[in-house]
Amino acid sequence: MHKKGIENADFDETGYSYTLSLISGKYKPVILYCLMEYEPVRFNEMRRYLKQVADKTLSQNLKELESDELIVRKVYPQIPPKVEYSLTDRGHSLVKVLDKLCDWGNENRK
């Protein structure tokens, strides 16, 4: 079998690189997992789930996931304001990938 050479390879052009660019970081995979399991989720519920995350950090991660069209932010016009987050169809399409990560972790946990 002929192995492709690495000389002209560009990791940034791979699907793997693109996927990582959307879900990498300390909190994004956890946010996606939380929404996969419990959607819809409110900001304070998410903050409690993530434990020691700063509001600014959580807010930034949610904005990035929303910008990448993986989650949707729904604002209810009421006092006090109510905001819920859930996965978009695009975000739901990542569930199979996240499930595989969970399976691997369960099978290989020591």
N, C-alpha and C. Protein backbone atom coordinates (compact mmCIF):
# COMPACT_ATOMS: atom_id res chain seq x y z
N MET A 1 0.85 -1.18 0.00
CA MET A 1 0.00 0.00 0.00
C MET A 1 0.89 1.24 0.00
N HIS A 2 0.57 2.18 -0.84
CA HIS A 2 1.34 3.40 -0.95
C HIS A 2 0.85 4.42 0.07
N LYS A 3 1.75 4.92 0.87
CA LYS A 3 1.41 5.91 1.90
C LYS A 3 1.60 7.30 1.32
N LYS A 4 0.63 8.19 1.59
CA LYS A 4 0.73 9.57 1.11
C LYS A 4 1.88 10.26 1.81
N GLY A 5 2.59 11.08 1.08
CA GLY A 5 3.71 11.81 1.65
C GLY A 5 3.23 13.03 2.43
N ILE A 6 3.99 13.36 3.44
CA ILE A 6 3.63 14.50 4.29
C ILE A 6 4.18 15.82 3.74
N GLU A 7 5.04 15.72 2.74
CA GLU A 7 5.72 16.91 2.23
C GLU A 7 4.76 18.03 1.84
N ASN A 8 3.67 17.69 1.18
CA ASN A 8 2.73 18.72 0.72
C ASN A 8 1.44 18.75 1.53
N ALA A 9 1.42 18.02 2.64
CA ALA A 9 0.22 17.96 3.46
C ALA A 9 0.05 19.25 4.26
N ASP A 10 -1.20 19.63 4.46
CA ASP A 10 -1.51 20.83 5.23
C ASP A 10 -2.64 20.48 6.20
N PHE A 11 -2.30 20.32 7.47
CA PHE A 11 -3.29 19.92 8.47
C PHE A 11 -4.46 20.89 8.52
N ASP A 12 -4.20 22.18 8.31
CA ASP A 12 -5.27 23.19 8.37
C ASP A 12 -6.35 22.97 7.32
N GLU A 13 -6.05 22.20 6.29
CA GLU A 13 -7.01 21.95 5.22
C GLU A 13 -7.84 20.69 5.45
N THR A 14 -7.64 20.02 6.58
CA THR A 14 -8.36 18.77 6.83
C THR A 14 -9.69 19.03 7.54
N GLY A 15 -10.61 18.09 7.36
CA GLY A 15 -11.88 18.15 8.08
C GLY A 15 -11.67 18.05 9.58
N TYR A 16 -10.66 17.30 9.98
CA TYR A 16 -10.34 17.14 11.40
C TYR A 16 -9.98 18.50 12.01
N SER A 17 -9.15 19.24 11.31
CA SER A 17 -8.74 20.56 11.77
C SER A 17 -9.94 21.50 11.89
N TYR A 18 -10.82 21.45 10.89
CA TYR A 18 -12.00 22.32 10.90
C TYR A 18 -12.90 21.99 12.10
N THR A 19 -13.14 20.69 12.32
CA THR A 19 -13.98 20.28 13.45
C THR A 19 -13.38 20.74 14.77
N LEU A 20 -12.08 20.53 14.93
CA LEU A 20 -11.41 20.97 16.16
C LEU A 20 -11.52 22.47 16.35
N SER A 21 -11.44 23.23 15.26
CA SER A 21 -11.52 24.68 15.37
C SER A 21 -12.88 25.13 15.92
N LEU A 22 -13.91 24.33 15.70
CA LEU A 22 -15.25 24.67 16.19
C LEU A 22 -15.50 24.23 17.62
N ILE A 23 -14.90 23.10 18.02
CA ILE A 23 -15.25 22.52 19.32
C ILE A 23 -14.09 22.48 20.32
N SER A 24 -12.94 23.00 19.94
CA SER A 24 -11.80 22.90 20.85
C SER A 24 -11.88 23.95 21.95
N GLY A 25 -11.14 23.72 22.98
CA GLY A 25 -11.12 24.61 24.13
C GLY A 25 -11.58 23.87 25.36
N LYS A 26 -11.48 24.54 26.47
CA LYS A 26 -11.81 23.91 27.75
C LYS A 26 -13.32 23.72 27.93
N TYR A 27 -14.12 24.65 27.41
CA TYR A 27 -15.54 24.64 27.72
C TYR A 27 -16.47 24.27 26.57
N LYS A 28 -16.08 24.51 25.33
CA LYS A 28 -17.00 24.26 24.22
C LYS A 28 -17.49 22.81 24.15
N PRO A 29 -16.60 21.82 24.28
CA PRO A 29 -17.12 20.45 24.24
C PRO A 29 -18.08 20.16 25.39
N VAL A 30 -17.82 20.75 26.55
CA VAL A 30 -18.69 20.52 27.71
C VAL A 30 -20.04 21.21 27.51
N ILE A 31 -20.02 22.40 26.94
CA ILE A 31 -21.27 23.11 26.63
C ILE A 31 -22.09 22.28 25.65
N LEU A 32 -21.46 21.79 24.60
CA LEU A 32 -22.17 20.98 23.61
C LEU A 32 -22.72 19.70 24.24
N TYR A 33 -21.92 19.08 25.10
CA TYR A 33 -22.38 17.86 25.78
C TYR A 33 -23.58 18.17 26.68
N CYS A 34 -23.51 19.26 27.40
CA CYS A 34 -24.60 19.67 28.28
C CYS A 34 -25.88 19.88 27.48
N LEU A 35 -25.78 20.57 26.36
CA LEU A 35 -26.95 20.82 25.53
C LEU A 35 -27.46 19.53 24.90
N MET A 36 -26.55 18.65 24.55
CA MET A 36 -26.93 17.36 23.98
C MET A 36 -27.77 16.57 24.99
N GLU A 37 -27.43 16.66 26.26
CA GLU A 37 -28.10 15.89 27.30
C GLU A 37 -29.34 16.58 27.88
N TYR A 38 -29.31 17.93 27.97
CA TYR A 38 -30.32 18.62 28.76
C TYR A 38 -31.05 19.76 28.07
N GLU A 39 -30.85 19.97 26.78
CA GLU A 39 -31.42 21.17 26.15
C GLU A 39 -32.94 21.25 26.32
N PRO A 40 -33.49 22.47 26.38
CA PRO A 40 -32.79 23.75 26.42
C PRO A 40 -32.22 24.03 27.81
N VAL A 41 -31.18 24.84 27.84
CA VAL A 41 -30.49 25.16 29.10
C VAL A 41 -30.35 26.67 29.22
N ARG A 42 -30.62 27.18 30.41
CA ARG A 42 -30.46 28.60 30.67
C ARG A 42 -29.02 28.89 31.10
N PHE A 43 -28.63 30.16 31.00
CA PHE A 43 -27.25 30.57 31.28
C PHE A 43 -26.80 30.12 32.67
N ASN A 44 -27.59 30.41 33.69
CA ASN A 44 -27.20 30.07 35.06
C ASN A 44 -27.13 28.57 35.28
N GLU A 45 -28.00 27.81 34.61
CA GLU A 45 -27.93 26.35 34.70
C GLU A 45 -26.61 25.86 34.10
N MET A 46 -26.24 26.45 32.98
CA MET A 46 -25.00 26.09 32.31
C MET A 46 -23.81 26.43 33.21
N ARG A 47 -23.85 27.59 33.83
CA ARG A 47 -22.76 28.01 34.72
C ARG A 47 -22.60 27.03 35.88
N ARG A 48 -23.71 26.61 36.47
CA ARG A 48 -23.64 25.64 37.57
C ARG A 48 -23.10 24.29 37.08
N TYR A 49 -23.50 23.89 35.88
CA TYR A 49 -23.05 22.62 35.30
C TYR A 49 -21.54 22.63 35.09
N LEU A 50 -21.02 23.76 34.62
CA LEU A 50 -19.60 23.89 34.34
C LEU A 50 -18.76 24.18 35.58
N LYS A 51 -19.42 24.46 36.68
CA LYS A 51 -18.81 24.73 37.98
C LYS A 51 -18.01 26.03 38.00
N GLN A 52 -16.72 26.02 37.82
CA GLN A 52 -15.91 27.21 38.08
C GLN A 52 -15.58 28.01 36.82
N VAL A 53 -16.57 28.27 36.00
CA VAL A 53 -16.34 29.07 34.81
C VAL A 53 -16.77 30.51 35.10
N ALA A 54 -15.98 31.46 34.65
CA ALA A 54 -16.34 32.88 34.79
C ALA A 54 -17.48 33.21 33.83
N ASP A 55 -18.36 34.11 34.24
CA ASP A 55 -19.48 34.51 33.39
C ASP A 55 -18.99 34.99 32.03
N LYS A 56 -17.93 35.79 32.03
CA LYS A 56 -17.39 36.33 30.78
C LYS A 56 -16.91 35.21 29.86
N THR A 57 -16.24 34.22 30.43
CA THR A 57 -15.73 33.10 29.64
C THR A 57 -16.88 32.28 29.07
N LEU A 58 -17.88 31.99 29.88
CA LEU A 58 -19.03 31.22 29.41
C LEU A 58 -19.75 31.99 28.31
N SER A 59 -19.96 33.28 28.55
CA SER A 59 -20.63 34.12 27.57
C SER A 59 -19.89 34.14 26.24
N GLN A 60 -18.57 34.26 26.28
CA GLN A 60 -17.75 34.28 25.07
C GLN A 60 -17.85 32.95 24.32
N ASN A 61 -17.77 31.84 25.04
CA ASN A 61 -17.87 30.53 24.41
C ASN A 61 -19.25 30.31 23.78
N LEU A 62 -20.29 30.74 24.46
CA LEU A 62 -21.63 30.63 23.91
C LEU A 62 -21.78 31.47 22.65
N LYS A 63 -21.22 32.68 22.66
CA LYS A 63 -21.28 33.54 21.48
C LYS A 63 -20.55 32.92 20.30
N GLU A 64 -19.39 32.31 20.57
CA GLU A 64 -18.63 31.66 19.49
C GLU A 64 -19.38 30.46 18.92
N LEU A 65 -19.97 29.66 19.80
CA LEU A 65 -20.74 28.50 19.32
C LEU A 65 -21.97 28.96 18.53
N GLU A 66 -22.56 30.06 18.96
CA GLU A 66 -23.70 30.62 18.23
C GLU A 66 -23.25 31.16 16.87
N SER A 67 -22.12 31.84 16.84
CA SER A 67 -21.57 32.38 15.60
C SER A 67 -21.24 31.27 14.61
N ASP A 68 -20.80 30.12 15.14
CA ASP A 68 -20.47 28.97 14.29
C ASP A 68 -21.71 28.13 13.96
N GLU A 69 -22.87 28.63 14.37
CA GLU A 69 -24.16 28.01 14.07
C GLU A 69 -24.31 26.61 14.65
N LEU A 70 -23.69 26.39 15.81
CA LEU A 70 -23.83 25.10 16.50
C LEU A 70 -24.91 25.17 17.58
N ILE A 71 -25.14 26.37 18.11
CA ILE A 71 -26.20 26.55 19.09
C ILE A 71 -27.05 27.75 18.71
N VAL A 72 -28.23 27.80 19.30
CA VAL A 72 -29.11 28.94 19.09
C VAL A 72 -29.48 29.51 20.46
N ARG A 73 -29.56 30.81 20.51
CA ARG A 73 -29.91 31.55 21.72
C ARG A 73 -31.31 32.10 21.53
N LYS A 74 -32.22 31.68 22.40
CA LYS A 74 -33.60 32.14 22.30
C LYS A 74 -33.91 33.05 23.48
N VAL A 75 -34.31 34.28 23.17
CA VAL A 75 -34.63 35.28 24.19
C VAL A 75 -36.15 35.41 24.27
N TYR A 76 -36.67 35.26 25.48
CA TYR A 76 -38.10 35.42 25.71
C TYR A 76 -38.36 36.85 26.19
N PRO A 77 -39.29 37.56 25.56
CA PRO A 77 -39.56 38.95 25.93
C PRO A 77 -40.40 39.03 27.21
N GLN A 78 -39.72 38.94 28.32
CA GLN A 78 -40.40 39.02 29.61
C GLN A 78 -39.48 39.67 30.63
N ILE A 79 -40.05 40.02 31.76
CA ILE A 79 -39.28 40.63 32.84
C ILE A 79 -39.35 39.68 34.02
N PRO A 80 -38.25 39.21 34.60
CA PRO A 80 -36.88 39.39 34.12
C PRO A 80 -36.65 38.62 32.83
N PRO A 81 -35.64 39.02 32.05
CA PRO A 81 -35.38 38.36 30.77
C PRO A 81 -35.08 36.87 30.97
N LYS A 82 -35.53 36.09 30.03
CA LYS A 82 -35.27 34.64 30.05
C LYS A 82 -34.57 34.29 28.74
N VAL A 83 -33.43 33.62 28.85
CA VAL A 83 -32.65 33.23 27.67
C VAL A 83 -32.36 31.73 27.79
N GLU A 84 -32.59 31.01 26.71
CA GLU A 84 -32.30 29.58 26.67
C GLU A 84 -31.40 29.28 25.48
N TYR A 85 -30.55 28.28 25.68
CA TYR A 85 -29.65 27.82 24.62
C TYR A 85 -30.01 26.39 24.25
N SER A 86 -29.93 26.10 22.96
CA SER A 86 -30.13 24.73 22.49
C SER A 86 -29.31 24.53 21.23
N LEU A 87 -29.20 23.28 20.83
CA LEU A 87 -28.43 22.94 19.64
C LEU A 87 -29.21 23.26 18.38
N THR A 88 -28.51 23.70 17.36
CA THR A 88 -29.11 23.86 16.03
C THR A 88 -29.07 22.49 15.35
N ASP A 89 -29.62 22.40 14.17
CA ASP A 89 -29.52 21.15 13.40
C ASP A 89 -28.04 20.81 13.17
N ARG A 90 -27.26 21.84 12.89
CA ARG A 90 -25.83 21.64 12.68
C ARG A 90 -25.17 21.12 13.97
N GLY A 91 -25.56 21.67 15.10
CA GLY A 91 -25.06 21.21 16.39
C GLY A 91 -25.48 19.78 16.67
N HIS A 92 -26.74 19.46 16.35
CA HIS A 92 -27.22 18.08 16.53
C HIS A 92 -26.43 17.10 15.68
N SER A 93 -25.95 17.56 14.53
CA SER A 93 -25.18 16.66 13.66
C SER A 93 -23.84 16.27 14.30
N LEU A 94 -23.40 17.02 15.31
CA LEU A 94 -22.17 16.70 16.04
C LEU A 94 -22.40 15.65 17.14
N VAL A 95 -23.65 15.37 17.45
CA VAL A 95 -23.97 14.45 18.54
C VAL A 95 -23.33 13.08 18.31
N LYS A 96 -23.34 12.60 17.07
CA LYS A 96 -22.72 11.30 16.79
C LYS A 96 -21.23 11.31 17.13
N VAL A 97 -20.57 12.41 16.84
CA VAL A 97 -19.15 12.54 17.14
C VAL A 97 -18.93 12.57 18.65
N LEU A 98 -19.73 13.37 19.35
CA LEU A 98 -19.61 13.48 20.81
C LEU A 98 -19.94 12.14 21.48
N ASP A 99 -20.95 11.44 20.94
CA ASP A 99 -21.29 10.12 21.47
C ASP A 99 -20.11 9.16 21.36
N LYS A 100 -19.40 9.22 20.25
CA LYS A 100 -18.24 8.34 20.07
C LYS A 100 -17.14 8.68 21.07
N LEU A 101 -16.95 9.96 21.37
CA LEU A 101 -15.98 10.35 22.40
C LEU A 101 -16.39 9.79 23.75
N CYS A 102 -17.70 9.85 24.05
CA CYS A 102 -18.20 9.29 25.31
C CYS A 102 -17.97 7.79 25.36
N ASP A 103 -18.29 7.11 24.26
CA ASP A 103 -18.10 5.65 24.21
C ASP A 103 -16.64 5.29 24.47
N TRP A 104 -15.74 5.99 23.79
CA TRP A 104 -14.31 5.71 23.95
C TRP A 104 -13.89 5.92 25.42
N GLY A 105 -14.36 7.04 26.00
CA GLY A 105 -14.00 7.33 27.38
C GLY A 105 -14.54 6.28 28.36
N ASN A 106 -15.76 5.83 28.13
CA ASN A 106 -16.34 4.80 28.99
C ASN A 106 -15.59 3.47 28.86
N GLU A 107 -15.18 3.15 27.64
CA GLU A 107 -14.48 1.88 27.40
C GLU A 107 -13.05 1.90 27.89
N ASN A 108 -12.44 3.06 27.95
CA ASN A 108 -11.02 3.14 28.28
C ASN A 108 -10.72 3.80 29.62
N ARG A 109 -11.74 4.12 30.37
CA ARG A 109 -11.55 4.72 31.70
C ARG A 109 -10.94 3.70 32.64
N LYS A 110 -9.97 4.15 33.41
CA LYS A 110 -9.29 3.23 34.35
C LYS A 110 -9.84 3.42 35.73
